[in-house]
Amino acid sequence: MDASLATFNQELHDLRHHIHGLEIESRLMSVPAQPTQPAHIATLLKQFQDHRAGATAKRRFDYTSIIISLYGALEHYIETLLQEHLTRISALVPTYLEIPETIRTKHVPLTAELLGRLEHQKYRNRITPEFLIGNLHSCLSTADKYRLNIDAFCHHGSNFRSETIESYFKQTGIENLSKQIRSNASFSDYYQQKNQALPPDDISFDLLFAPINDLAERRNEVAHGSPSELLSNELLLALISFVEVYGKALHTVVRQSLLPWEVQYRGQTLGQPIQVYNNSIVCLNINNIPITQGDWLIAQPANPNAAYLEGVILEIQIANATHDKIHPQTKTAVAFRVDYSAKKNQTFYLIQQDKRL
């Protein structure tokens, strides 16, 4: 799941790099030839300036390629993120009957729809009816290992707008996606800083996610060869920044949705803390559990509607002495330092490094 985010961020970095290159080209247009320049440099500069001066459509071509590339990066990221989400659920949950009910409810009808689309180029020579039916049989029978038809969930018939993205992930059991993104700390901080506005909780989804919807509309316009307006490089860079923050918040929400399943099937219950200091030092009674710095400490909030929190154990102390690893044989008070906002009313779980997907 982290790999998809890293690829997405690299694509956005490359787009920014391309736009900065276009700005350098624009500045070169006003550079006068210098008497001290070598003749071949002066000639190349003049050829470049003459070429650019006559290329009236270049600005439109540059804009079109940026919009198509930006939307394409977002679309591919969302598809890959959902695919990785379902893959991790399959790896975590041992039986088909235990996976989220929403996935089980959608699995059969979505598979049936995919069977009718196998002649599309996207699926041709890659997915067969026998493959889909075999996977479906593994889920509905008593087979030891079920196999989800993940491609059936990844199909979408329209461009990704905020409402479409919400529906897309809802079919895998993730509810209130837009609300969760709006509440994400990084997204909230970015929005308030850029807009000098109220916290996002007071802003409608239509206004809050307008850049995502606008990108989808602009993608449609350029795909049909009729952009209504060309955004400046400055506005394109601002749009890229918004998409980047949105994508990071989406990744966090999807990742957090898996934490209850990870806790259930890979975690060990540590219980509620003795005390929490500075929202980062969690003191717990530990008895006969091996714990190593770098293991994961998961926090379940008291509010059942709030998202679980996760973070690696940055430091372990017993009686003010620091340890890389511990395995107390009797009940021992241990302090763990984490990088998220820990609270005394949370319940904590341990997931050891080698058990994390």
Protein backbone atom coordinates (compact mmCIF):
# COMPACT_ATOMS: atom_id res chain seq x y z
CA MET A 1 0.00 0.00 0.00
CA ASP A 2 2.92 2.33 0.71
CA ALA A 3 4.35 1.45 -2.73
CA SER A 4 1.32 2.91 -4.53
CA LEU A 5 1.65 6.17 -2.59
CA ALA A 6 5.38 6.38 -3.35
CA THR A 7 4.74 5.87 -7.08
CA PHE A 8 1.96 8.47 -7.04
CA ASN A 9 4.17 11.03 -5.30
CA GLN A 10 6.98 10.41 -7.80
CA GLU A 11 4.62 11.04 -10.70
CA LEU A 12 3.55 14.33 -9.14
CA HIS A 13 7.20 15.25 -8.57
CA ASP A 14 7.90 14.59 -12.26
CA LEU A 15 4.98 16.82 -13.26
CA ARG A 16 6.28 19.65 -11.11
CA HIS A 17 9.72 19.20 -12.66
CA HIS A 18 8.18 19.42 -16.13
CA ILE A 19 6.32 22.64 -15.29
CA HIS A 20 9.46 24.21 -13.85
CA GLY A 21 11.16 23.33 -17.15
CA LEU A 22 8.42 25.16 -19.05
CA GLU A 23 8.98 28.22 -16.88
CA ILE A 24 12.70 28.14 -17.70
CA GLU A 25 11.79 28.00 -21.40
CA SER A 26 9.59 31.07 -20.97
CA ARG A 27 12.41 33.02 -19.31
CA LEU A 28 14.76 32.09 -22.14
CA MET A 29 12.41 33.87 -24.56
CA SER A 30 13.43 37.23 -23.12
CA VAL A 31 17.17 36.58 -22.92
CA PRO A 32 18.97 38.86 -25.41
CA ALA A 33 21.97 37.68 -27.38
CA GLN A 34 25.27 38.85 -25.89
CA PRO A 35 28.28 40.00 -27.96
CA THR A 36 30.51 37.80 -25.81
CA GLN A 37 28.47 34.66 -26.50
CA PRO A 38 29.98 32.02 -28.81
CA ALA A 39 28.34 32.18 -32.22
CA HIS A 40 26.77 28.74 -31.98
CA ILE A 41 25.16 29.61 -28.62
CA ALA A 42 23.71 32.84 -30.02
CA THR A 43 22.43 30.96 -33.06
CA LEU A 44 20.77 28.26 -30.97
CA LEU A 45 19.17 30.86 -28.70
CA LYS A 46 17.74 32.75 -31.68
CA GLN A 47 16.47 29.52 -33.26
CA PHE A 48 14.79 28.57 -30.00
CA GLN A 49 13.18 32.01 -29.57
CA ASP A 50 11.98 32.10 -33.18
CA HIS A 51 10.56 28.60 -32.87
CA ARG A 52 8.74 29.38 -29.63
CA ALA A 53 7.41 32.69 -30.95
CA GLY A 54 5.72 30.90 -33.83
CA ALA A 55 4.37 27.99 -31.81
CA THR A 56 1.02 29.49 -30.81
CA ALA A 57 -0.45 26.06 -29.96
CA LYS A 58 2.42 24.99 -27.70
CA ARG A 59 0.83 26.45 -24.56
CA ARG A 60 -2.33 24.46 -25.24
CA PHE A 61 -0.35 21.27 -25.90
CA ASP A 62 1.62 21.71 -22.66
CA TYR A 63 -1.56 22.34 -20.67
CA THR A 64 -3.30 19.32 -22.20
CA SER A 65 -0.42 16.96 -21.42
CA ILE A 66 -0.24 18.17 -17.81
CA ILE A 67 -3.98 17.76 -17.18
CA ILE A 68 -4.08 14.31 -18.79
CA SER A 69 -0.98 13.22 -16.86
CA LEU A 70 -2.22 14.57 -13.53
CA TYR A 71 -5.65 12.98 -13.83
CA GLY A 72 -4.08 9.74 -15.07
CA ALA A 73 -1.74 9.61 -12.07
CA LEU A 74 -4.67 10.13 -9.67
CA GLU A 75 -6.86 7.54 -11.40
CA HIS A 76 -4.13 4.89 -11.47
CA TYR A 77 -3.29 5.59 -7.83
CA ILE A 78 -6.92 5.18 -6.70
CA GLU A 79 -7.31 1.93 -8.65
CA THR A 80 -4.05 0.54 -7.27
CA LEU A 81 -4.87 1.60 -3.72
CA LEU A 82 -8.22 -0.21 -3.82
CA GLN A 83 -6.54 -3.28 -5.31
CA GLU A 84 -3.92 -3.30 -2.55
CA HIS A 85 -6.61 -2.80 0.08
CA LEU A 86 -8.51 -5.90 -1.06
CA THR A 87 -5.30 -7.89 -1.39
CA ARG A 88 -4.39 -7.12 2.22
CA ILE A 89 -7.87 -8.05 3.46
CA SER A 90 -7.53 -11.39 1.67
CA ALA A 91 -4.14 -11.95 3.29
CA LEU A 92 -5.40 -10.99 6.76
CA VAL A 93 -8.80 -12.64 7.01
CA PRO A 94 -8.56 -16.46 6.94
CA THR A 95 -12.05 -17.33 5.63
CA TYR A 96 -14.43 -15.78 3.11
CA LEU A 97 -17.28 -15.67 5.64
CA GLU A 98 -15.21 -13.44 7.92
CA ILE A 99 -14.39 -10.69 5.42
CA PRO A 100 -16.50 -7.49 5.52
CA GLU A 101 -20.12 -8.16 4.61
CA THR A 102 -20.13 -5.38 2.03
CA ILE A 103 -17.40 -7.14 0.06
CA ARG A 104 -19.26 -10.46 0.17
CA THR A 105 -22.49 -8.77 -0.92
CA LYS A 106 -20.83 -7.04 -3.89
CA HIS A 107 -18.55 -9.88 -4.95
CA VAL A 108 -20.99 -12.00 -6.96
CA PRO A 109 -22.80 -9.21 -8.89
CA LEU A 110 -19.54 -7.39 -9.65
CA THR A 111 -18.00 -10.64 -10.90
CA ALA A 112 -21.01 -11.15 -13.15
CA GLU A 113 -20.55 -7.65 -14.57
CA LEU A 114 -16.86 -8.30 -15.20
CA LEU A 115 -17.70 -11.51 -17.08
CA GLY A 116 -19.56 -9.34 -19.56
CA ARG A 117 -16.57 -7.03 -20.08
CA LEU A 118 -13.79 -9.55 -20.75
CA GLU A 119 -13.56 -8.59 -24.42
CA HIS A 120 -12.38 -5.11 -23.47
CA GLN A 121 -8.71 -4.48 -24.19
CA LYS A 122 -8.02 -3.97 -20.50
CA TYR A 123 -8.91 -7.59 -19.70
CA ARG A 124 -8.28 -9.42 -22.97
CA ASN A 125 -5.68 -12.21 -22.72
CA ARG A 126 -5.31 -11.49 -19.01
CA ILE A 127 -8.55 -12.66 -17.38
CA THR A 128 -10.66 -15.59 -18.52
CA PRO A 129 -14.19 -16.70 -17.54
CA GLU A 130 -12.67 -19.86 -16.06
CA PHE A 131 -10.39 -17.77 -13.85
CA LEU A 132 -13.26 -15.66 -12.49
CA ILE A 133 -15.58 -18.61 -11.94
CA GLY A 134 -12.80 -20.57 -10.25
CA ASN A 135 -12.15 -17.71 -7.85
CA LEU A 136 -15.85 -17.34 -7.12
CA HIS A 137 -16.12 -21.07 -6.45
CA SER A 138 -13.21 -20.87 -3.98
CA CYS A 139 -15.17 -18.26 -2.04
CA LEU A 140 -18.54 -19.99 -2.04
CA SER A 141 -17.22 -23.50 -1.37
CA THR A 142 -15.34 -24.80 1.65
CA ALA A 143 -11.96 -24.34 -0.03
CA ASP A 144 -9.09 -23.74 2.38
CA LYS A 145 -8.02 -20.55 0.62
CA TYR A 146 -10.49 -18.18 -1.03
CA ARG A 147 -9.55 -15.89 -3.91
CA LEU A 148 -11.38 -12.62 -4.48
CA ASN A 149 -12.00 -11.33 -7.99
CA ILE A 150 -10.30 -8.06 -7.18
CA ASP A 151 -10.52 -6.75 -10.76
CA ALA A 152 -14.31 -6.84 -10.42
CA PHE A 153 -14.11 -4.18 -7.68
CA CYS A 154 -11.58 -2.03 -9.53
CA HIS A 155 -13.77 -1.29 -12.55
CA HIS A 156 -15.41 2.15 -12.73
CA GLY A 157 -17.56 3.53 -15.49
CA SER A 158 -17.00 7.26 -14.98
CA ASN A 159 -14.19 9.65 -14.20
CA PHE A 160 -13.13 10.00 -10.59
CA ARG A 161 -14.82 12.87 -8.80
CA SER A 162 -15.11 13.07 -5.01
CA GLU A 163 -18.53 11.36 -5.00
CA THR A 164 -17.30 8.63 -7.36
CA ILE A 165 -14.25 7.98 -5.21
CA GLU A 166 -16.46 7.71 -2.13
CA SER A 167 -18.71 5.13 -3.83
CA TYR A 168 -15.70 3.29 -5.22
CA PHE A 169 -14.28 2.56 -1.77
CA LYS A 170 -17.68 2.12 -0.11
CA GLN A 171 -18.14 -1.15 -1.98
CA THR A 172 -15.16 -2.52 -0.04
CA GLY A 173 -16.61 -1.53 3.34
CA ILE A 174 -15.02 1.90 3.82
CA GLU A 175 -17.80 4.26 4.89
CA ASN A 176 -17.87 8.08 4.96
CA LEU A 177 -14.63 8.43 2.99
CA SER A 178 -15.04 12.15 2.26
CA LYS A 179 -15.82 12.88 5.90
CA GLN A 180 -12.74 10.97 7.01
CA ILE A 181 -10.50 12.78 4.53
CA ARG A 182 -11.93 16.11 5.70
CA SER A 183 -11.03 15.16 9.29
CA ASN A 184 -7.49 14.06 8.38
CA ALA A 185 -4.99 16.25 10.25
CA SER A 186 -2.62 16.78 7.30
CA PHE A 187 -5.46 17.64 4.92
CA SER A 188 -7.08 19.97 7.46
CA ASP A 189 -3.81 21.80 8.13
CA TYR A 190 -3.12 22.20 4.41
CA TYR A 191 -6.59 23.51 3.66
CA GLN A 192 -6.56 26.10 6.43
CA GLN A 193 -3.05 27.27 5.57
CA LYS A 194 -3.72 27.66 1.85
CA ASN A 195 -7.17 29.20 2.15
CA GLN A 196 -6.85 31.07 5.46
CA ALA A 197 -10.31 29.70 6.11
CA LEU A 198 -12.37 27.92 8.69
CA PRO A 199 -11.47 24.32 9.59
CA PRO A 200 -12.64 21.92 6.85
CA ASP A 201 -15.34 20.52 9.16
CA ASP A 202 -17.31 23.70 8.43
CA ILE A 203 -16.93 23.45 4.64
CA SER A 204 -19.25 21.49 2.33
CA PHE A 205 -17.80 18.53 0.43
CA ASP A 206 -18.60 20.20 -2.92
CA LEU A 207 -16.47 23.22 -2.04
CA LEU A 208 -13.79 21.30 -0.16
CA PHE A 209 -13.08 18.81 -2.95
CA ALA A 210 -13.81 21.17 -5.85
CA PRO A 211 -10.24 20.82 -7.23
CA ILE A 212 -10.71 17.04 -7.64
CA ASN A 213 -14.01 17.54 -9.45
CA ASP A 214 -12.54 20.36 -11.54
CA LEU A 215 -9.62 18.14 -12.59
CA ALA A 216 -12.04 15.46 -13.83
CA GLU A 217 -13.97 18.09 -15.80
CA ARG A 218 -10.81 19.54 -17.33
CA ARG A 219 -9.63 16.05 -18.23
CA ASN A 220 -12.88 15.54 -20.16
CA GLU A 221 -12.50 18.87 -21.93
CA VAL A 222 -8.95 18.28 -23.14
CA ALA A 223 -9.76 14.67 -24.11
CA HIS A 224 -12.38 16.08 -26.48
CA GLY A 225 -10.04 18.81 -27.74
CA SER A 226 -11.93 21.78 -26.34
CA PRO A 227 -10.43 23.20 -23.11
CA SER A 228 -12.52 26.13 -21.90
CA GLU A 229 -9.51 27.88 -20.38
CA LEU A 230 -5.81 27.25 -19.84
CA LEU A 231 -4.62 27.41 -16.25
CA SER A 232 -1.39 29.25 -15.52
CA ASN A 233 1.62 27.26 -14.37
CA GLU A 234 1.11 28.70 -10.90
CA LEU A 235 -2.45 27.39 -10.74
CA LEU A 236 -1.38 24.01 -12.15
CA LEU A 237 1.24 23.69 -9.42
CA ALA A 238 -1.39 24.56 -6.81
CA LEU A 239 -3.69 21.89 -8.25
CA ILE A 240 -0.89 19.32 -8.08
CA SER A 241 -0.29 20.21 -4.43
CA PHE A 242 -3.96 19.72 -3.59
CA VAL A 243 -4.09 16.36 -5.38
CA GLU A 244 -0.95 15.32 -3.49
CA VAL A 245 -2.41 16.16 -0.07
CA TYR A 246 -5.72 14.54 -1.01
CA GLY A 247 -3.92 11.38 -2.09
CA LYS A 248 -1.93 11.21 1.14
CA ALA A 249 -5.09 11.61 3.25
CA LEU A 250 -6.85 8.95 1.17
CA HIS A 251 -3.95 6.57 1.79
CA THR A 252 -4.18 7.20 5.55
CA VAL A 253 -7.94 6.57 5.64
CA VAL A 254 -7.69 3.34 3.65
CA ARG A 255 -4.77 2.13 5.74
CA GLN A 256 -6.57 2.93 8.99
CA SER A 257 -9.63 0.98 7.81
CA LEU A 258 -7.48 -2.17 7.85
CA LEU A 259 -6.23 -1.73 11.41
CA PRO A 260 -9.20 -3.43 13.15
CA TRP A 261 -8.60 -6.49 10.97
CA GLU A 262 -4.86 -6.44 11.61
CA VAL A 263 -5.47 -6.20 15.35
CA GLN A 264 -7.96 -9.08 15.26
CA TYR A 265 -5.80 -11.49 13.28
CA ARG A 266 -2.20 -10.35 13.86
CA GLY A 267 -2.26 -8.38 17.12
CA GLN A 268 -1.84 -8.99 20.84
CA THR A 269 -4.01 -7.10 23.30
CA LEU A 270 -2.05 -4.93 25.75
CA GLY A 271 -5.10 -3.25 27.26
CA GLN A 272 -5.59 0.28 28.53
CA PRO A 273 -2.60 2.22 29.82
CA ILE A 274 -1.58 2.93 33.39
CA GLN A 275 -0.87 6.48 32.26
CA VAL A 276 -0.14 8.53 29.14
CA TYR A 277 2.31 11.44 29.20
CA ASN A 278 2.41 14.27 26.65
CA ASN A 279 0.18 12.22 24.34
CA SER A 280 3.26 10.30 23.24
CA ILE A 281 4.47 8.16 26.18
CA VAL A 282 2.20 5.16 26.80
CA CYS A 283 2.73 3.26 30.07
CA LEU A 284 1.40 -0.30 30.04
CA ASN A 285 1.67 -3.38 32.22
CA ILE A 286 3.45 -6.08 30.20
CA ASN A 287 3.66 -9.73 31.20
CA ASN A 288 5.49 -12.41 29.17
CA ILE A 289 5.23 -10.64 25.81
CA PRO A 290 8.41 -10.04 23.76
CA ILE A 291 8.47 -6.49 22.38
CA THR A 292 11.14 -4.85 20.23
CA GLN A 293 11.73 -1.24 19.29
CA GLY A 294 10.23 -0.92 15.81
CA ASP A 295 7.23 -3.12 16.58
CA TRP A 296 3.83 -1.46 16.00
CA LEU A 297 1.59 -0.09 18.75
CA ILE A 298 -2.02 0.25 17.59
CA ALA A 299 -4.52 2.42 19.48
CA GLN A 300 -8.26 1.74 19.47
CA PRO A 301 -10.18 4.94 20.39
CA ALA A 302 -12.93 4.92 22.99
CA ASN A 303 -15.28 6.37 20.35
CA PRO A 304 -16.38 3.40 18.20
CA ASN A 305 -16.78 5.70 15.18
CA ALA A 306 -13.23 7.06 15.36
CA ALA A 307 -10.36 5.59 13.36
CA TYR A 308 -7.69 3.40 14.89
CA LEU A 309 -4.21 4.94 15.13
CA GLU A 310 -0.89 3.29 14.39
CA GLY A 311 2.78 3.96 14.91
CA VAL A 312 6.06 2.19 15.46
CA ILE A 313 7.49 1.97 18.96
CA LEU A 314 10.24 4.59 18.93
CA GLU A 315 11.60 3.93 22.40
CA ILE A 316 11.10 1.47 25.26
CA GLN A 317 11.86 2.25 28.92
CA ILE A 318 11.60 0.33 32.17
CA ALA A 319 12.34 2.30 35.34
CA ASN A 320 13.90 5.10 33.25
CA ALA A 321 16.32 2.68 31.55
CA THR A 322 16.11 2.41 27.74
CA HIS A 323 15.91 -1.01 26.07
CA ASP A 324 16.01 -2.13 22.43
CA LYS A 325 13.87 -5.16 23.31
CA ILE A 326 12.14 -6.58 26.36
CA HIS A 327 10.48 -9.82 27.47
CA PRO A 328 9.45 -9.40 31.12
CA GLN A 329 8.46 -12.67 32.82
CA THR A 330 6.30 -10.96 35.42
CA LYS A 331 3.91 -8.00 35.21
CA THR A 332 6.12 -4.98 34.58
CA ALA A 333 5.31 -1.32 33.96
CA VAL A 334 6.80 -0.36 30.59
CA ALA A 335 6.83 3.04 28.84
CA PHE A 336 6.55 3.20 25.05
CA ARG A 337 7.14 6.33 22.98
CA VAL A 338 5.02 6.69 19.84
CA ASP A 339 4.53 9.40 17.22
CA TYR A 340 0.73 9.76 17.31
CA SER A 341 -1.69 11.32 19.78
CA ALA A 342 -2.09 8.65 22.47
CA LYS A 343 -4.76 8.94 25.17
CA LYS A 344 -5.50 7.18 28.41
CA ASN A 345 -8.97 6.01 27.32
CA GLN A 346 -7.58 4.14 24.31
CA THR A 347 -7.01 0.39 24.16
CA PHE A 348 -3.61 -0.67 22.83
CA TYR A 349 -2.50 -3.63 20.76
CA LEU A 350 0.90 -4.88 19.68
CA ILE A 351 1.72 -6.07 16.16
CA GLN A 352 5.25 -7.38 15.86
CA GLN A 353 7.31 -6.32 12.87
CA ASP A 354 7.45 -9.76 11.29
CA LYS A 355 3.65 -10.09 11.44
CA ARG A 356 2.92 -6.81 9.64
CA LEU A 357 1.87 -7.03 6.01
